[in-house]
Amino acid sequence: SGLVGYGVKRQSQEMFASEEYYNVAKHLFCELEWGSGENRERVRLLNVHLRAMPEGAEIRKKQARLIRQWIHQEIAAGENVIVLGDINTNELFSETTPEGDAGVLRGLDTPDPADDLVDLFRLHPQPVPATHLIGKQFDRILVSPSLVADAPGRRDLVCERISVRKDLVVRGTRQDDNHLDNYWQIPEAERDLSDHYPVLAEFAWRP
């Protein structure tokens, strides 16, 4: 519902030559729109899967800088932007730093706080649980400030809650502790559907 377009992007030759960016091989932009006239609500959503492993942190930061270039104008204009997916950060929500990969993706490394994306885990009861079976919070939903604050005088979308739905993937009597070397040795009835736990953000229309 509301989907009006989708696509992918690549960095320019000038960006590549600068060595400040790194292509995001797995991503998809979606443009969503509801309503009409003054009550038209638009959302630009970017689903990503960034480079994995702790040693990939510098590449993730370059990928984060590229993503920020892609969404900069929309954020500056106060539009609705969502960046979500497996960002593979090793930083916990409570330990996010401006110089870390998650911090760069949020825009915390810039001097202007107005361009920061909000990590919706701030709406979750603390401490935030892991989103991966090894105890990491790899998966995040980041939004522009407009999606956590009600705009007066118009109908708009506001996030109400976020949850980590481990119950949707764990099968059997206990969660799996490894999906690397032993996946096919786990009995099918006990084999979890994924090593990631879905992160669900719920938005409501505010008049």
C-alpha atoms as a PDB file:
ATOM      1  CA  SER A   1       0.000   0.000   0.000  1.00  0.00           C
ATOM      2  CA  GLY A   2       1.326   3.398  -0.970  1.00  0.00           C
ATOM      3  CA  LEU A   3       4.265   2.206  -3.062  1.00  0.00           C
ATOM      4  CA  VAL A   4       4.898   4.634  -5.934  1.00  0.00           C
ATOM      5  CA  GLY A   5       8.450   3.710  -6.915  1.00  0.00           C
ATOM      6  CA  TYR A   6      11.585   1.763  -6.104  1.00  0.00           C
ATOM      7  CA  GLY A   7      15.159   1.468  -7.317  1.00  0.00           C
ATOM      8  CA  VAL A   8      18.884   1.362  -6.532  1.00  0.00           C
ATOM      9  CA  LYS A   9      21.737   3.881  -6.680  1.00  0.00           C
ATOM     10  CA  ARG A  10      25.495   3.875  -7.198  1.00  0.00           C
ATOM     11  CA  GLN A  11      28.189   6.352  -6.283  1.00  0.00           C
ATOM     12  CA  SER A  12      29.498   8.715  -8.958  1.00  0.00           C
ATOM     13  CA  GLN A  13      32.972   8.487 -10.501  1.00  0.00           C
ATOM     14  CA  GLU A  14      34.020  11.573  -8.502  1.00  0.00           C
ATOM     15  CA  MET A  15      32.842   9.956  -5.272  1.00  0.00           C
ATOM     16  CA  PHE A  16      34.704   6.753  -6.120  1.00  0.00           C
ATOM     17  CA  ALA A  17      37.902   8.687  -6.835  1.00  0.00           C
ATOM     18  CA  SER A  18      37.690  10.437  -3.449  1.00  0.00           C
ATOM     19  CA  GLU A  19      37.989   7.080  -1.611  1.00  0.00           C
ATOM     20  CA  GLU A  20      35.553   8.453   0.985  1.00  0.00           C
ATOM     21  CA  TYR A  21      32.726   6.116  -0.013  1.00  0.00           C
ATOM     22  CA  TYR A  22      32.070   2.437  -0.652  1.00  0.00           C
ATOM     23  CA  ASN A  23      29.206   1.029  -2.714  1.00  0.00           C
ATOM     24  CA  VAL A  24      26.298  -0.576  -0.886  1.00  0.00           C
ATOM     25  CA  ALA A  25      25.852  -3.736  -2.923  1.00  0.00           C
ATOM     26  CA  LYS A  26      22.660  -4.859  -1.191  1.00  0.00           C
ATOM     27  CA  HIS A  27      20.111  -2.050  -0.950  1.00  0.00           C
ATOM     28  CA  LEU A  28      16.707  -0.951  -2.209  1.00  0.00           C
ATOM     29  CA  PHE A  29      15.000   2.445  -2.171  1.00  0.00           C
ATOM     30  CA  CYS A  30      11.213   2.540  -1.875  1.00  0.00           C
ATOM     31  CA  GLU A  31       9.082   5.642  -2.309  1.00  0.00           C
ATOM     32  CA  LEU A  32       5.754   5.527  -0.463  1.00  0.00           C
ATOM     33  CA  GLU A  33       2.893   7.994  -0.554  1.00  0.00           C
ATOM     34  CA  TRP A  34      -0.557   8.250   1.034  1.00  0.00           C
ATOM     35  CA  GLY A  35      -3.315  10.844   0.956  1.00  0.00           C
ATOM     36  CA  SER A  36      -3.523  13.990  -1.139  1.00  0.00           C
ATOM     37  CA  GLY A  37      -3.148  17.754  -0.927  1.00  0.00           C
ATOM     38  CA  GLU A  38      -2.019  19.121   2.424  1.00  0.00           C
ATOM     39  CA  ASN A  39      -2.538  15.706   4.002  1.00  0.00           C
ATOM     40  CA  ARG A  40      -0.257  13.888   1.583  1.00  0.00           C
ATOM     41  CA  GLU A  41       2.357  11.930   3.513  1.00  0.00           C
ATOM     42  CA  ARG A  42       5.511  10.709   1.800  1.00  0.00           C
ATOM     43  CA  VAL A  43       8.151   8.308   3.087  1.00  0.00           C
ATOM     44  CA  ARG A  44      11.482   7.462   1.487  1.00  0.00           C
ATOM     45  CA  LEU A  45      12.636   4.072   2.785  1.00  0.00           C
ATOM     46  CA  LEU A  46      16.080   2.586   2.231  1.00  0.00           C
ATOM     47  CA  ASN A  47      16.683  -1.066   3.090  1.00  0.00           C
ATOM     48  CA  VAL A  48      20.382  -1.958   3.438  1.00  0.00           C
ATOM     49  CA  HIS A  49      22.740  -4.804   4.264  1.00  0.00           C
ATOM     50  CA  LEU A  50      26.180  -3.415   5.099  1.00  0.00           C
ATOM     51  CA  ARG A  51      29.565  -5.133   5.147  1.00  0.00           C
ATOM     52  CA  ALA A  52      29.845  -7.781   7.875  1.00  0.00           C
ATOM     53  CA  MET A  53      32.444  -8.690  10.496  1.00  0.00           C
ATOM     54  CA  PRO A  54      34.294  -6.444  12.999  1.00  0.00           C
ATOM     55  CA  GLU A  55      37.158  -5.884  10.538  1.00  0.00           C
ATOM     56  CA  GLY A  56      34.649  -4.400   8.079  1.00  0.00           C
ATOM     57  CA  ALA A  57      33.988  -1.338  10.279  1.00  0.00           C
ATOM     58  CA  GLU A  58      35.939   1.107   8.081  1.00  0.00           C
ATOM     59  CA  ILE A  59      34.095  -0.105   4.974  1.00  0.00           C
ATOM     60  CA  ARG A  60      30.776   0.238   6.821  1.00  0.00           C
ATOM     61  CA  LYS A  61      31.648   3.846   7.669  1.00  0.00           C
ATOM     62  CA  LYS A  62      32.326   4.563   3.995  1.00  0.00           C
ATOM     63  CA  GLN A  63      29.028   2.886   3.097  1.00  0.00           C
ATOM     64  CA  ALA A  64      27.320   5.007   5.754  1.00  0.00           C
ATOM     65  CA  ARG A  65      28.802   8.202   4.252  1.00  0.00           C
ATOM     66  CA  LEU A  66      27.451   7.185   0.844  1.00  0.00           C
ATOM     67  CA  ILE A  67      23.992   6.570   2.276  1.00  0.00           C
ATOM     68  CA  ARG A  68      24.102   9.966   3.963  1.00  0.00           C
ATOM     69  CA  GLN A  69      24.858  11.587   0.616  1.00  0.00           C
ATOM     70  CA  TRP A  70      21.869   9.800  -0.910  1.00  0.00           C
ATOM     71  CA  ILE A  71      19.415  10.998   1.755  1.00  0.00           C
ATOM     72  CA  HIS A  72      20.929  14.351   2.754  1.00  0.00           C
ATOM     73  CA  GLN A  73      18.545  16.579   0.829  1.00  0.00           C
ATOM     74  CA  GLU A  74      15.423  14.854   2.143  1.00  0.00           C
ATOM     75  CA  ILE A  75      16.595  15.087   5.749  1.00  0.00           C
ATOM     76  CA  ALA A  76      17.560  18.757   5.328  1.00  0.00           C
ATOM     77  CA  ALA A  77      14.072  19.448   3.962  1.00  0.00           C
ATOM     78  CA  GLY A  78      12.431  17.822   6.994  1.00  0.00           C
ATOM     79  CA  GLU A  79      11.000  14.947   4.958  1.00  0.00           C
ATOM     80  CA  ASN A  80      10.231  11.423   6.177  1.00  0.00           C
ATOM     81  CA  VAL A  81      13.213   9.091   5.741  1.00  0.00           C
ATOM     82  CA  ILE A  82      13.688   5.550   7.037  1.00  0.00           C
ATOM     83  CA  VAL A  83      16.975   3.620   6.838  1.00  0.00           C
ATOM     84  CA  LEU A  84      16.694   0.056   8.058  1.00  0.00           C
ATOM     85  CA  GLY A  85      18.243  -3.357   7.769  1.00  0.00           C
ATOM     86  CA  ASP A  86      21.279  -5.337   8.814  1.00  0.00           C
ATOM     87  CA  ILE A  87      23.895  -2.645   9.338  1.00  0.00           C
ATOM     88  CA  ASN A  88      26.239  -5.182  10.961  1.00  0.00           C
ATOM     89  CA  THR A  89      27.475  -2.737  13.583  1.00  0.00           C
ATOM     90  CA  ASN A  90      29.245  -4.065  16.641  1.00  0.00           C
ATOM     91  CA  GLU A  91      28.154  -1.003  18.622  1.00  0.00           C
ATOM     92  CA  LEU A  92      25.265  -1.500  20.994  1.00  0.00           C
ATOM     93  CA  PHE A  93      22.520   1.116  20.871  1.00  0.00           C
ATOM     94  CA  SER A  94      23.594   2.388  24.298  1.00  0.00           C
ATOM     95  CA  GLU A  95      27.225   2.670  23.157  1.00  0.00           C
ATOM     96  CA  THR A  96      26.808   4.365  19.767  1.00  0.00           C
ATOM     97  CA  THR A  97      29.580   6.894  19.173  1.00  0.00           C
ATOM     98  CA  PRO A  98      29.819   9.714  16.569  1.00  0.00           C
ATOM     99  CA  GLU A  99      32.924   8.114  15.055  1.00  0.00           C
ATOM    100  CA  GLY A 100      31.503   4.578  14.901  1.00  0.00           C
ATOM    101  CA  ASP A 101      29.761   3.036  11.893  1.00  0.00           C
ATOM    102  CA  ALA A 102      26.264   3.335  13.404  1.00  0.00           C
ATOM    103  CA  GLY A 103      27.031   6.894  14.503  1.00  0.00           C
ATOM    104  CA  VAL A 104      28.173   7.924  11.018  1.00  0.00           C
ATOM    105  CA  LEU A 105      25.042   6.393   9.525  1.00  0.00           C
ATOM    106  CA  ARG A 106      22.904   8.380  11.973  1.00  0.00           C
ATOM    107  CA  GLY A 107      24.817  11.586  11.175  1.00  0.00           C
ATOM    108  CA  LEU A 108      26.230  12.002  14.682  1.00  0.00           C
ATOM    109  CA  ASP A 109      29.646  12.860  13.218  1.00  0.00           C
ATOM    110  CA  THR A 110      28.411  16.155  11.739  1.00  0.00           C
ATOM    111  CA  PRO A 111      28.233  19.423  13.725  1.00  0.00           C
ATOM    112  CA  ASP A 112      24.517  19.944  13.000  1.00  0.00           C
ATOM    113  CA  PRO A 113      22.233  17.818  15.247  1.00  0.00           C
ATOM    114  CA  ALA A 114      19.266  18.661  12.999  1.00  0.00           C
ATOM    115  CA  ASP A 115      20.491  16.163  10.404  1.00  0.00           C
ATOM    116  CA  ASP A 116      20.680  13.249  12.855  1.00  0.00           C
ATOM    117  CA  LEU A 117      18.593  10.148  12.278  1.00  0.00           C
ATOM    118  CA  VAL A 118      16.803   8.767  15.321  1.00  0.00           C
ATOM    119  CA  ASP A 119      17.544   5.173  16.300  1.00  0.00           C
ATOM    120  CA  LEU A 120      14.105   3.844  17.188  1.00  0.00           C
ATOM    121  CA  PHE A 121      15.647   1.657  19.870  1.00  0.00           C
ATOM    122  CA  ARG A 122      15.369   4.776  22.038  1.00  0.00           C
ATOM    123  CA  LEU A 123      11.630   3.934  22.216  1.00  0.00           C
ATOM    124  CA  HIS A 124      12.331   0.387  23.406  1.00  0.00           C
ATOM    125  CA  PRO A 125      12.442  -0.466  27.121  1.00  0.00           C
ATOM    126  CA  GLN A 126      16.086  -0.557  28.151  1.00  0.00           C
ATOM    127  CA  PRO A 127      18.259  -2.535  27.839  1.00  0.00           C
ATOM    128  CA  VAL A 128      17.539  -3.338  24.191  1.00  0.00           C
ATOM    129  CA  PRO A 129      17.780  -7.076  23.446  1.00  0.00           C
ATOM    130  CA  ALA A 130      20.035  -8.613  20.825  1.00  0.00           C
ATOM    131  CA  THR A 131      18.804  -8.874  17.250  1.00  0.00           C
ATOM    132  CA  HIS A 132      21.177 -11.731  16.392  1.00  0.00           C
ATOM    133  CA  LEU A 133      21.816 -15.074  18.037  1.00  0.00           C
ATOM    134  CA  ILE A 134      25.440 -14.149  18.904  1.00  0.00           C
ATOM    135  CA  GLY A 135      24.166 -11.336  21.136  1.00  0.00           C
ATOM    136  CA  LYS A 136      24.725  -8.385  18.770  1.00  0.00           C
ATOM    137  CA  GLN A 137      22.326  -5.597  17.768  1.00  0.00           C
ATOM    138  CA  PHE A 138      23.132  -5.790  14.063  1.00  0.00           C
ATOM    139  CA  ASP A 139      19.663  -4.752  12.908  1.00  0.00           C
ATOM    140  CA  ARG A 140      18.407  -1.176  13.260  1.00  0.00           C
ATOM    141  CA  ILE A 141      15.582   1.103  12.168  1.00  0.00           C
ATOM    142  CA  LEU A 142      16.696   4.725  11.831  1.00  0.00           C
ATOM    143  CA  VAL A 143      14.247   7.520  11.003  1.00  0.00           C
ATOM    144  CA  SER A 144      14.237  11.252  10.407  1.00  0.00           C
ATOM    145  CA  PRO A 145      13.008  13.381  13.344  1.00  0.00           C
ATOM    146  CA  SER A 146       9.714  14.019  11.537  1.00  0.00           C
ATOM    147  CA  LEU A 147       8.695  10.393  12.130  1.00  0.00           C
ATOM    148  CA  VAL A 148       8.948  10.604  15.920  1.00  0.00           C
ATOM    149  CA  ALA A 149       7.283  13.997  16.392  1.00  0.00           C
ATOM    150  CA  ASP A 150       3.659  14.818  15.609  1.00  0.00           C
ATOM    151  CA  ALA A 151       3.289  17.704  13.140  1.00  0.00           C
ATOM    152  CA  PRO A 152       0.561  20.036  14.452  1.00  0.00           C
ATOM    153  CA  GLY A 153      -2.435  20.734  12.264  1.00  0.00           C
ATOM    154  CA  ARG A 154      -2.029  17.893   9.777  1.00  0.00           C
ATOM    155  CA  ARG A 155      -2.386  14.134   9.520  1.00  0.00           C
ATOM    156  CA  ASP A 156       1.025  12.482   9.691  1.00  0.00           C
ATOM    157  CA  LEU A 157       2.815   9.266  10.589  1.00  0.00           C
ATOM    158  CA  VAL A 158       4.492   8.922  13.989  1.00  0.00           C
ATOM    159  CA  CYS A 159       6.303   5.877  15.370  1.00  0.00           C
ATOM    160  CA  GLU A 160       4.602   4.528  18.483  1.00  0.00           C
ATOM    161  CA  ARG A 161       6.683   1.513  19.422  1.00  0.00           C
ATOM    162  CA  ILE A 162       9.471  -0.835  18.394  1.00  0.00           C
ATOM    163  CA  SER A 163      10.027  -4.452  19.341  1.00  0.00           C
ATOM    164  CA  VAL A 164      12.478  -7.280  18.679  1.00  0.00           C
ATOM    165  CA  ARG A 165      10.406 -10.313  17.674  1.00  0.00           C
ATOM    166  CA  LYS A 166      12.647 -13.223  18.551  1.00  0.00           C
ATOM    167  CA  ASP A 167       9.489 -15.304  18.928  1.00  0.00           C
ATOM    168  CA  LEU A 168       8.886 -15.175  15.168  1.00  0.00           C
ATOM    169  CA  VAL A 169      12.014 -17.156  14.255  1.00  0.00           C
ATOM    170  CA  VAL A 170      12.900 -19.433  17.180  1.00  0.00           C
ATOM    171  CA  ARG A 171      11.489 -22.931  16.781  1.00  0.00           C
ATOM    172  CA  GLY A 172      11.502 -25.820  19.206  1.00  0.00           C
ATOM    173  CA  THR A 173      12.501 -25.834  22.837  1.00  0.00           C
ATOM    174  CA  ARG A 174      15.379 -23.311  22.687  1.00  0.00           C
ATOM    175  CA  GLN A 175      17.109 -20.859  20.362  1.00  0.00           C
ATOM    176  CA  ASP A 176      19.984 -22.012  18.179  1.00  0.00           C
ATOM    177  CA  ASP A 177      23.450 -20.889  19.260  1.00  0.00           C
ATOM    178  CA  ASN A 178      25.196 -21.332  15.908  1.00  0.00           C
ATOM    179  CA  HIS A 179      24.177 -21.153  12.250  1.00  0.00           C
ATOM    180  CA  LEU A 180      27.643 -21.323  10.682  1.00  0.00           C
ATOM    181  CA  ASP A 181      28.941 -24.878  10.819  1.00  0.00           C
ATOM    182  CA  ASN A 182      26.093 -26.908  12.246  1.00  0.00           C
ATOM    183  CA  TYR A 183      22.941 -25.568  10.582  1.00  0.00           C
ATOM    184  CA  TRP A 184      22.019 -28.773   8.737  1.00  0.00           C
ATOM    185  CA  GLN A 185      22.874 -30.906  11.752  1.00  0.00           C
ATOM    186  CA  ILE A 186      20.138 -29.203  13.819  1.00  0.00           C
ATOM    187  CA  PRO A 187      16.909 -31.257  13.743  1.00  0.00           C
ATOM    188  CA  GLU A 188      14.423 -29.532  11.449  1.00  0.00           C
ATOM    189  CA  ALA A 189      11.857 -29.067  14.213  1.00  0.00           C
ATOM    190  CA  GLU A 190      14.514 -27.222  16.254  1.00  0.00           C
ATOM    191  CA  ARG A 191      16.120 -25.290  13.387  1.00  0.00           C
ATOM    192  CA  ASP A 192      15.393 -21.577  13.809  1.00  0.00           C
ATOM    193  CA  LEU A 193      14.148 -19.730  10.731  1.00  0.00           C
ATOM    194  CA  SER A 194      16.953 -17.164  10.897  1.00  0.00           C
ATOM    195  CA  ASP A 195      19.983 -16.138  12.930  1.00  0.00           C
ATOM    196  CA  HIS A 196      18.479 -12.610  12.990  1.00  0.00           C
ATOM    197  CA  TYR A 197      15.447 -11.605  15.039  1.00  0.00           C
ATOM    198  CA  PRO A 198      12.968  -9.313  13.247  1.00  0.00           C
ATOM    199  CA  VAL A 199      12.808  -5.704  14.421  1.00  0.00           C
ATOM    200  CA  LEU A 200       9.272  -4.324  14.132  1.00  0.00           C
ATOM    201  CA  ALA A 201       8.441  -0.610  14.204  1.00  0.00           C
ATOM    202  CA  GLU A 202       4.776   0.371  14.403  1.00  0.00           C
ATOM    203  CA  PHE A 203       3.575   3.743  13.129  1.00  0.00           C
ATOM    204  CA  ALA A 204       0.198   5.396  13.639  1.00  0.00           C
ATOM    205  CA  TRP A 205      -1.628   8.184  11.869  1.00  0.00           C
ATOM    206  CA  ARG A 206      -1.821  11.270  14.086  1.00  0.00           C
ATOM    207  CA  PRO A 207      -4.477  13.864  13.218  1.00  0.00           C
END
